[in-house]
PDB file of all heavy atoms in Angstrom:
ATOM      1  N   ALA A   1       0.839  -1.202   0.000  1.00  0.00           N
ATOM      2  CA  ALA A   1       0.000   0.000   0.000  1.00  0.00           C
ATOM      3  C   ALA A   1       0.869   1.244   0.000  1.00  0.00           C
ATOM      4  O   ALA A   1       2.071   1.184   0.286  1.00  0.00           O
ATOM      5  CB  ALA A   1      -0.907   0.017   1.225  1.00  0.00           C
ATOM      6  N   MET A   2       0.233   2.354  -0.298  1.00  0.00           N
ATOM      7  CA  MET A   2       0.869   3.648  -0.114  1.00  0.00           C
ATOM      8  C   MET A   2       0.951   3.936   1.378  1.00  0.00           C
ATOM      9  O   MET A   2       0.269   3.305   2.193  1.00  0.00           O
ATOM     10  CB  MET A   2       0.066   4.738  -0.821  1.00  0.00           C
ATOM     11  CG  MET A   2      -0.052   4.568  -2.333  1.00  0.00           C
ATOM     12  SD  MET A   2       1.514   4.801  -3.198  1.00  0.00           S
ATOM     13  CE  MET A   2       1.712   6.590  -3.059  1.00  0.00           C
ATOM     14  N   ASP A   3       1.772   4.920   1.764  1.00  0.00           N
ATOM     15  CA  ASP A   3       1.886   5.299   3.169  1.00  0.00           C
ATOM     16  C   ASP A   3       0.526   5.710   3.727  1.00  0.00           C
ATOM     17  O   ASP A   3      -0.270   6.346   3.043  1.00  0.00           O
ATOM     18  CB  ASP A   3       2.867   6.468   3.334  1.00  0.00           C
ATOM     19  CG  ASP A   3       4.301   6.062   3.015  1.00  0.00           C
ATOM     20  OD1 ASP A   3       4.662   4.912   3.301  1.00  0.00           O
ATOM     21  OD2 ASP A   3       5.041   6.914   2.479  1.00  0.00           O
ATOM     22  N   ALA A   4       0.273   5.310   4.981  1.00  0.00           N
ATOM     23  CA  ALA A   4      -0.941   5.670   5.723  1.00  0.00           C
ATOM     24  C   ALA A   4      -2.194   4.974   5.213  1.00  0.00           C
ATOM     25  O   ALA A   4      -3.311   5.383   5.539  1.00  0.00           O
ATOM     26  CB  ALA A   4      -1.155   7.183   5.727  1.00  0.00           C
ATOM     27  N   ALA A   5      -2.037   3.909   4.444  1.00  0.00           N
ATOM     28  CA  ALA A   5      -3.207   3.184   3.934  1.00  0.00           C
ATOM     29  C   ALA A   5      -3.798   2.241   4.975  1.00  0.00           C
ATOM     30  O   ALA A   5      -4.907   1.731   4.788  1.00  0.00           O
ATOM     31  CB  ALA A   5      -2.844   2.402   2.677  1.00  0.00           C
ATOM     32  N   GLY A   6      -3.079   1.987   6.066  1.00  0.00           N
ATOM     33  CA  GLY A   6      -3.643   1.183   7.146  1.00  0.00           C
ATOM     34  C   GLY A   6      -3.124  -0.238   7.244  1.00  0.00           C
ATOM     35  O   GLY A   6      -3.817  -1.103   7.786  1.00  0.00           O
ATOM     36  N   LYS A   7      -1.917  -0.492   6.762  1.00  0.00           N
ATOM     37  CA  LYS A   7      -1.373  -1.859   6.809  1.00  0.00           C
ATOM     38  C   LYS A   7      -1.208  -2.352   8.241  1.00  0.00           C
ATOM     39  O   LYS A   7      -1.606  -3.469   8.580  1.00  0.00           O
ATOM     40  CB  LYS A   7      -0.030  -1.934   6.083  1.00  0.00           C
ATOM     41  CG  LYS A   7      -0.076  -1.628   4.601  1.00  0.00           C
ATOM     42  CD  LYS A   7       1.254  -1.878   3.932  1.00  0.00           C
ATOM     43  CE  LYS A   7       2.397  -1.118   4.566  1.00  0.00           C
ATOM     44  NZ  LYS A   7       2.206   0.360   4.542  1.00  0.00           N
ATOM     45  N   ASP A   8      -0.600  -1.515   9.085  1.00  0.00           N
ATOM     46  CA  ASP A   8      -0.323  -1.933  10.461  1.00  0.00           C
ATOM     47  C   ASP A   8      -1.612  -2.233  11.230  1.00  0.00           C
ATOM     48  O   ASP A   8      -1.727  -3.265  11.908  1.00  0.00           O
ATOM     49  CB  ASP A   8       0.470  -0.848  11.198  1.00  0.00           C
ATOM     50  CG  ASP A   8       1.876  -0.668  10.637  1.00  0.00           C
ATOM     51  OD1 ASP A   8       2.341  -1.571   9.909  1.00  0.00           O
ATOM     52  OD2 ASP A   8       2.509   0.362  10.919  1.00  0.00           O
ATOM     53  N   SER A   9      -2.574  -1.330  11.138  1.00  0.00           N
ATOM     54  CA  SER A   9      -3.829  -1.541  11.869  1.00  0.00           C
ATOM     55  C   SER A   9      -4.623  -2.690  11.270  1.00  0.00           C
ATOM     56  O   SER A   9      -5.354  -3.384  11.980  1.00  0.00           O
ATOM     57  CB  SER A   9      -4.665  -0.250  11.873  1.00  0.00           C
ATOM     58  OG  SER A   9      -5.009   0.148  10.556  1.00  0.00           O
ATOM     59  N   MET A  10      -4.482  -2.917   9.974  1.00  0.00           N
ATOM     60  CA  MET A  10      -5.132  -4.057   9.333  1.00  0.00           C
ATOM     61  C   MET A  10      -4.636  -5.359   9.964  1.00  0.00           C
ATOM     62  O   MET A  10      -5.418  -6.231  10.352  1.00  0.00           O
ATOM     63  CB  MET A  10      -4.838  -4.061   7.837  1.00  0.00           C
ATOM     64  CG  MET A  10      -5.347  -5.282   7.086  1.00  0.00           C
ATOM     65  SD  MET A  10      -7.149  -5.349   6.983  1.00  0.00           S
ATOM     66  CE  MET A  10      -7.440  -4.047   5.783  1.00  0.00           C
ATOM     67  N   ILE A  11      -3.324  -5.487  10.054  1.00  0.00           N
ATOM     68  CA  ILE A  11      -2.734  -6.692  10.636  1.00  0.00           C
ATOM     69  C   ILE A  11      -3.150  -6.839  12.093  1.00  0.00           C
ATOM     70  O   ILE A  11      -3.508  -7.927  12.554  1.00  0.00           O
ATOM     71  CB  ILE A  11      -1.195  -6.634  10.510  1.00  0.00           C
ATOM     72  CG1 ILE A  11      -0.798  -6.672   9.029  1.00  0.00           C
ATOM     73  CG2 ILE A  11      -0.540  -7.786  11.271  1.00  0.00           C
ATOM     74  CD1 ILE A  11       0.657  -6.332   8.773  1.00  0.00           C
ATOM     75  N   GLN A  12      -3.129  -5.741  12.819  1.00  0.00           N
ATOM     76  CA  GLN A  12      -3.473  -5.758  14.237  1.00  0.00           C
ATOM     77  C   GLN A  12      -4.907  -6.236  14.463  1.00  0.00           C
ATOM     78  O   GLN A  12      -5.158  -7.035  15.374  1.00  0.00           O
ATOM     79  CB  GLN A  12      -3.295  -4.357  14.825  1.00  0.00           C
ATOM     80  CG  GLN A  12      -3.655  -4.247  16.303  1.00  0.00           C
ATOM     81  CD  GLN A  12      -3.553  -2.809  16.812  1.00  0.00           C
ATOM     82  OE1 GLN A  12      -3.039  -1.931  16.124  1.00  0.00           O
ATOM     83  NE2 GLN A  12      -4.037  -2.578  18.010  1.00  0.00           N
ATOM     84  N   HIS A  13      -5.845  -5.770  13.658  1.00  0.00           N
ATOM     85  CA  HIS A  13      -7.258  -6.105  13.867  1.00  0.00           C
ATOM     86  C   HIS A  13      -7.633  -7.465  13.293  1.00  0.00           C
ATOM     87  O   HIS A  13      -8.222  -8.300  13.978  1.00  0.00           O
ATOM     88  CB  HIS A  13      -8.153  -5.020  13.248  1.00  0.00           C
ATOM     89  CG  HIS A  13      -8.248  -3.780  14.069  1.00  0.00           C
ATOM     90  ND1 HIS A  13      -7.309  -2.772  13.988  1.00  0.00           N
ATOM     91  CD2 HIS A  13      -9.153  -3.382  14.992  1.00  0.00           C
ATOM     92  CE1 HIS A  13      -7.644  -1.793  14.830  1.00  0.00           C
ATOM     93  NE2 HIS A  13      -8.751  -2.145  15.442  1.00  0.00           N
ATOM     94  N   VAL A  14      -7.289  -7.694  12.041  1.00  0.00           N
ATOM     95  CA  VAL A  14      -7.753  -8.911  11.364  1.00  0.00           C
ATOM     96  C   VAL A  14      -7.094 -10.165  11.929  1.00  0.00           C
ATOM     97  O   VAL A  14      -7.712 -11.233  11.986  1.00  0.00           O
ATOM     98  CB  VAL A  14      -7.498  -8.798   9.842  1.00  0.00           C
ATOM     99  CG1 VAL A  14      -7.807 -10.103   9.138  1.00  0.00           C
ATOM    100  CG2 VAL A  14      -8.355  -7.669   9.261  1.00  0.00           C
ATOM    101  N   MET A  15      -5.848 -10.038  12.370  1.00  0.00           N
ATOM    102  CA  MET A  15      -5.122 -11.211  12.875  1.00  0.00           C
ATOM    103  C   MET A  15      -5.116 -11.264  14.397  1.00  0.00           C
ATOM    104  O   MET A  15      -4.361 -12.043  14.994  1.00  0.00           O
ATOM    105  CB  MET A  15      -3.680 -11.195  12.349  1.00  0.00           C
ATOM    106  CG  MET A  15      -3.540 -11.002  10.859  1.00  0.00           C
ATOM    107  SD  MET A  15      -4.480 -12.197   9.861  1.00  0.00           S
ATOM    108  CE  MET A  15      -3.627 -13.717  10.267  1.00  0.00           C
ATOM    109  N   SER A  16      -5.967 -10.490  15.053  1.00  0.00           N
ATOM    110  CA  SER A  16      -5.931 -10.389  16.512  1.00  0.00           C
ATOM    111  C   SER A  16      -6.309 -11.693  17.218  1.00  0.00           C
ATOM    112  O   SER A  16      -5.939 -11.893  18.378  1.00  0.00           O
ATOM    113  CB  SER A  16      -6.863  -9.265  16.984  1.00  0.00           C
ATOM    114  OG  SER A  16      -8.208  -9.531  16.603  1.00  0.00           O
ATOM    115  N   GLY A  17      -7.026 -12.581  16.543  1.00  0.00           N
ATOM    116  CA  GLY A  17      -7.474 -13.802  17.212  1.00  0.00           C
ATOM    117  C   GLY A  17      -6.571 -15.001  17.029  1.00  0.00           C
ATOM    118  O   GLY A  17      -6.773 -16.039  17.664  1.00  0.00           O
ATOM    119  N   VAL A  18      -5.559 -14.894  16.168  1.00  0.00           N
ATOM    120  CA  VAL A  18      -4.741 -16.071  15.876  1.00  0.00           C
ATOM    121  C   VAL A  18      -3.700 -16.291  16.962  1.00  0.00           C
ATOM    122  O   VAL A  18      -3.311 -15.375  17.687  1.00  0.00           O
ATOM    123  CB  VAL A  18      -4.039 -15.957  14.500  1.00  0.00           C
ATOM    124  CG1 VAL A  18      -5.054 -15.797  13.393  1.00  0.00           C
ATOM    125  CG2 VAL A  18      -3.056 -14.793  14.489  1.00  0.00           C
ATOM    126  N   ASN A  19      -3.238 -17.528  17.062  1.00  0.00           N
ATOM    127  CA  ASN A  19      -2.221 -17.888  18.042  1.00  0.00           C
ATOM    128  C   ASN A  19      -0.874 -17.314  17.598  1.00  0.00           C
ATOM    129  O   ASN A  19      -0.391 -17.645  16.518  1.00  0.00           O
ATOM    130  CB  ASN A  19      -2.135 -19.409  18.140  1.00  0.00           C
ATOM    131  CG  ASN A  19      -1.207 -19.868  19.250  1.00  0.00           C
ATOM    132  OD1 ASN A  19      -0.290 -19.163  19.649  1.00  0.00           O
ATOM    133  ND2 ASN A  19      -1.456 -21.058  19.753  1.00  0.00           N
ATOM    134  N   PRO A  20      -0.245 -16.462  18.414  1.00  0.00           N
ATOM    135  CA  PRO A  20       1.034 -15.854  18.029  1.00  0.00           C
ATOM    136  C   PRO A  20       2.123 -16.875  17.708  1.00  0.00           C
ATOM    137  O   PRO A  20       3.044 -16.572  16.932  1.00  0.00           O
ATOM    138  CB  PRO A  20       1.414 -15.017  19.260  1.00  0.00           C
ATOM    139  CG  PRO A  20       0.146 -14.808  20.001  1.00  0.00           C
ATOM    140  CD  PRO A  20      -0.703 -16.006  19.733  1.00  0.00           C
ATOM    141  N   GLN A  21       2.017 -18.080  18.292  1.00  0.00           N
ATOM    142  CA  GLN A  21       3.030 -19.100  18.022  1.00  0.00           C
ATOM    143  C   GLN A  21       2.989 -19.585  16.581  1.00  0.00           C
ATOM    144  O   GLN A  21       3.975 -20.120  16.084  1.00  0.00           O
ATOM    145  CB  GLN A  21       2.850 -20.291  18.970  1.00  0.00           C
ATOM    146  CG  GLN A  21       3.238 -19.991  20.413  1.00  0.00           C
ATOM    147  CD  GLN A  21       3.132 -21.216  21.295  1.00  0.00           C
ATOM    148  OE1 GLN A  21       2.157 -21.957  21.245  1.00  0.00           O
ATOM    149  NE2 GLN A  21       4.145 -21.434  22.112  1.00  0.00           N
ATOM    150  N   GLY A  22       1.861 -19.408  15.930  1.00  0.00           N
ATOM    151  CA  GLY A  22       1.727 -19.884  14.559  1.00  0.00           C
ATOM    152  C   GLY A  22       1.590 -18.780  13.548  1.00  0.00           C
ATOM    153  O   GLY A  22       1.129 -18.999  12.421  1.00  0.00           O
ATOM    154  N   CYS A  23       1.979 -17.556  13.934  1.00  0.00           N
ATOM    155  CA  CYS A  23       1.836 -16.408  13.033  1.00  0.00           C
ATOM    156  C   CYS A  23       3.029 -15.473  13.203  1.00  0.00           C
ATOM    157  O   CYS A  23       3.341 -15.060  14.327  1.00  0.00           O
ATOM    158  CB  CYS A  23       0.541 -15.670  13.344  1.00  0.00           C
ATOM    159  SG  CYS A  23       0.211 -14.249  12.266  1.00  0.00           S
ATOM    160  N   VAL A  24       3.713 -15.182  12.102  1.00  0.00           N
ATOM    161  CA  VAL A  24       4.896 -14.318  12.150  1.00  0.00           C
ATOM    162  C   VAL A  24       4.721 -13.163  11.174  1.00  0.00           C
ATOM    163  O   VAL A  24       4.398 -13.381   9.999  1.00  0.00           O
ATOM    164  CB  VAL A  24       6.179 -15.101  11.797  1.00  0.00           C
ATOM    165  CG1 VAL A  24       7.379 -14.168  11.822  1.00  0.00           C
ATOM    166  CG2 VAL A  24       6.385 -16.258  12.765  1.00  0.00           C
ATOM    167  N   VAL A  25       4.917 -11.938  11.653  1.00  0.00           N
ATOM    168  CA  VAL A  25       4.835 -10.740  10.813  1.00  0.00           C
ATOM    169  C   VAL A  25       6.250 -10.277  10.487  1.00  0.00           C
ATOM    170  O   VAL A  25       7.085 -10.130  11.379  1.00  0.00           O
ATOM    171  CB  VAL A  25       4.071  -9.611  11.514  1.00  0.00           C
ATOM    172  CG1 VAL A  25       4.015  -8.372  10.611  1.00  0.00           C
ATOM    173  CG2 VAL A  25       2.662 -10.057  11.891  1.00  0.00           C
ATOM    174  N   THR A  26       6.521 -10.062   9.202  1.00  0.00           N
ATOM    175  CA  THR A  26       7.830  -9.579   8.769  1.00  0.00           C
ATOM    176  C   THR A  26       7.656  -8.265   8.011  1.00  0.00           C
ATOM    177  O   THR A  26       6.845  -8.187   7.082  1.00  0.00           O
ATOM    178  CB  THR A  26       8.529 -10.601   7.842  1.00  0.00           C
ATOM    179  OG1 THR A  26       8.617 -11.859   8.510  1.00  0.00           O
ATOM    180  CG2 THR A  26       9.930 -10.123   7.483  1.00  0.00           C
ATOM    181  N   SER A  27       8.387  -7.252   8.424  1.00  0.00           N
ATOM    182  CA  SER A  27       8.374  -5.968   7.725  1.00  0.00           C
ATOM    183  C   SER A  27       9.683  -5.820   6.966  1.00  0.00           C
ATOM    184  O   SER A  27      10.761  -6.027   7.542  1.00  0.00           O
ATOM    185  CB  SER A  27       8.223  -4.812   8.721  1.00  0.00           C
ATOM    186  OG  SER A  27       6.983  -4.885   9.389  1.00  0.00           O
ATOM    187  N   PHE A  28       9.588  -5.491   5.706  1.00  0.00           N
ATOM    188  CA  PHE A  28      10.782  -5.361   4.876  1.00  0.00           C
ATOM    189  C   PHE A  28      11.153  -3.887   4.720  1.00  0.00           C
ATOM    190  O   PHE A  28      10.401  -3.103   4.162  1.00  0.00           O
ATOM    191  CB  PHE A  28      10.557  -6.014   3.510  1.00  0.00           C
ATOM    192  CG  PHE A  28      10.476  -7.510   3.593  1.00  0.00           C
ATOM    193  CD1 PHE A  28       9.250  -8.146   3.704  1.00  0.00           C
ATOM    194  CD2 PHE A  28      11.625  -8.286   3.591  1.00  0.00           C
ATOM    195  CE1 PHE A  28       9.167  -9.526   3.798  1.00  0.00           C
ATOM    196  CE2 PHE A  28      11.563  -9.664   3.686  1.00  0.00           C
ATOM    197  CZ  PHE A  28      10.328 -10.292   3.786  1.00  0.00           C
ATOM    198  N   LYS A  29      12.317  -3.566   5.256  1.00  0.00           N
ATOM    199  CA  LYS A  29      12.834  -2.205   5.194  1.00  0.00           C
ATOM    200  C   LYS A  29      13.895  -2.125   4.095  1.00  0.00           C
ATOM    201  O   LYS A  29      14.022  -3.014   3.258  1.00  0.00           O
ATOM    202  CB  LYS A  29      13.427  -1.821   6.549  1.00  0.00           C
ATOM    203  CG  LYS A  29      12.488  -2.030   7.728  1.00  0.00           C
ATOM    204  CD  LYS A  29      11.313  -1.081   7.707  1.00  0.00           C
ATOM    205  CE  LYS A  29      10.470  -1.224   8.968  1.00  0.00           C
ATOM    206  NZ  LYS A  29       9.295  -0.309   8.963  1.00  0.00           N
ATOM    207  N   GLN A  30      14.693  -1.075   4.140  1.00  0.00           N
ATOM    208  CA  GLN A  30      15.811  -0.930   3.205  1.00  0.00           C
ATOM    209  C   GLN A  30      16.768  -2.105   3.380  1.00  0.00           C
ATOM    210  O   GLN A  30      17.121  -2.468   4.502  1.00  0.00           O
ATOM    211  CB  GLN A  30      16.537   0.387   3.479  1.00  0.00           C
ATOM    212  CG  GLN A  30      17.684   0.676   2.522  1.00  0.00           C
ATOM    213  CD  GLN A  30      18.309   2.034   2.804  1.00  0.00           C
ATOM    214  OE1 GLN A  30      17.702   2.878   3.450  1.00  0.00           O
ATOM    215  NE2 GLN A  30      19.517   2.243   2.331  1.00  0.00           N
ATOM    216  N   PRO A  31      17.189  -2.752   2.293  1.00  0.00           N
ATOM    217  CA  PRO A  31      18.060  -3.931   2.402  1.00  0.00           C
ATOM    218  C   PRO A  31      19.373  -3.616   3.119  1.00  0.00           C
ATOM    219  O   PRO A  31      19.945  -2.543   2.952  1.00  0.00           O
ATOM    220  CB  PRO A  31      18.317  -4.328   0.943  1.00  0.00           C
ATOM    221  CG  PRO A  31      17.209  -3.704   0.173  1.00  0.00           C
ATOM    222  CD  PRO A  31      16.861  -2.444   0.897  1.00  0.00           C
ATOM    223  N   SER A  32      19.821  -4.589   3.927  1.00  0.00           N
ATOM    224  CA  SER A  32      21.100  -4.443   4.617  1.00  0.00           C
ATOM    225  C   SER A  32      22.249  -4.764   3.652  1.00  0.00           C
ATOM    226  O   SER A  32      22.023  -5.238   2.530  1.00  0.00           O
ATOM    227  CB  SER A  32      21.156  -5.401   5.805  1.00  0.00           C
ATOM    228  OG  SER A  32      21.161  -6.749   5.340  1.00  0.00           O
ATOM    229  N   THR A  33      23.468  -4.545   4.100  1.00  0.00           N
ATOM    230  CA  THR A  33      24.638  -4.866   3.270  1.00  0.00           C
ATOM    231  C   THR A  33      24.664  -6.359   2.949  1.00  0.00           C
ATOM    232  O   THR A  33      24.952  -6.752   1.810  1.00  0.00           O
ATOM    233  CB  THR A  33      25.932  -4.469   4.002  1.00  0.00           C
ATOM    234  OG1 THR A  33      25.891  -3.063   4.285  1.00  0.00           O
ATOM    235  CG2 THR A  33      27.153  -4.766   3.130  1.00  0.00           C
ATOM    236  N   LEU A  34      24.345  -7.180   3.941  1.00  0.00           N
ATOM    237  CA  LEU A  34      24.307  -8.627   3.733  1.00  0.00           C
ATOM    238  C   LEU A  34      23.259  -9.002   2.696  1.00  0.00           C
ATOM    239  O   LEU A  34      23.513  -9.819   1.800  1.00  0.00           O
ATOM    240  CB  LEU A  34      24.013  -9.344   5.054  1.00  0.00           C
ATOM    241  CG  LEU A  34      23.818 -10.871   4.975  1.00  0.00           C
ATOM    242  CD1 LEU A  34      25.095 -11.550   4.488  1.00  0.00           C
ATOM    243  CD2 LEU A  34      23.395 -11.421   6.334  1.00  0.00           C
ATOM    244  N   GLU A  35      22.092  -8.391   2.791  1.00  0.00           N
ATOM    245  CA  GLU A  35      21.008  -8.703   1.858  1.00  0.00           C
ATOM    246  C   GLU A  35      21.346  -8.254   0.440  1.00  0.00           C
ATOM    247  O   GLU A  35      20.982  -8.923  -0.529  1.00  0.00           O
ATOM    248  CB  GLU A  35      19.707  -8.061   2.349  1.00  0.00           C
ATOM    249  CG  GLU A  35      19.166  -8.738   3.609  1.00  0.00           C
ATOM    250  CD  GLU A  35      18.077  -7.943   4.296  1.00  0.00           C
ATOM    251  OE1 GLU A  35      17.935  -6.725   4.011  1.00  0.00           O
ATOM    252  OE2 GLU A  35      17.366  -8.527   5.133  1.00  0.00           O
ATOM    253  N   LEU A  36      22.048  -7.145   0.318  1.00  0.00           N
ATOM    254  CA  LEU A  36      22.431  -6.653  -1.002  1.00  0.00           C
ATOM    255  C   LEU A  36      23.480  -7.545  -1.668  1.00  0.00           C
ATOM    256  O   LEU A  36      23.665  -7.494  -2.881  1.00  0.00           O
ATOM    257  CB  LEU A  36      22.967  -5.222  -0.903  1.00  0.00           C
ATOM    258  CG  LEU A  36      21.923  -4.136  -0.624  1.00  0.00           C
ATOM    259  CD1 LEU A  36      22.599  -2.802  -0.380  1.00  0.00           C
ATOM    260  CD2 LEU A  36      20.916  -4.030  -1.765  1.00  0.00           C
ATOM    261  N   ASP A  37      24.151  -8.369  -0.863  1.00  0.00           N
ATOM    262  CA  ASP A  37      25.135  -9.303  -1.403  1.00  0.00           C
ATOM    263  C   ASP A  37      24.482 -10.571  -1.948  1.00  0.00           C
ATOM    264  O   ASP A  37      25.177 -11.470  -2.430  1.00  0.00           O
ATOM    265  CB  ASP A  37      26.161  -9.688  -0.326  1.00  0.00           C
ATOM    266  CG  ASP A  37      27.297  -8.688  -0.232  1.00  0.00           C
ATOM    267  OD1 ASP A  37      27.569  -8.012  -1.244  1.00  0.00           O
ATOM    268  OD2 ASP A  37      27.902  -8.579   0.834  1.00  0.00           O
TER     269      ASP A  37
END
């Protein structure tokens, strides 16, 4: 989404009932030096 479209709150609300042990959220930021390799 574009900025401020509601991704974070979407994840927070829609996935609020799932067991945290079976659900992992990953946010992809600017690639690190290792990732660029």
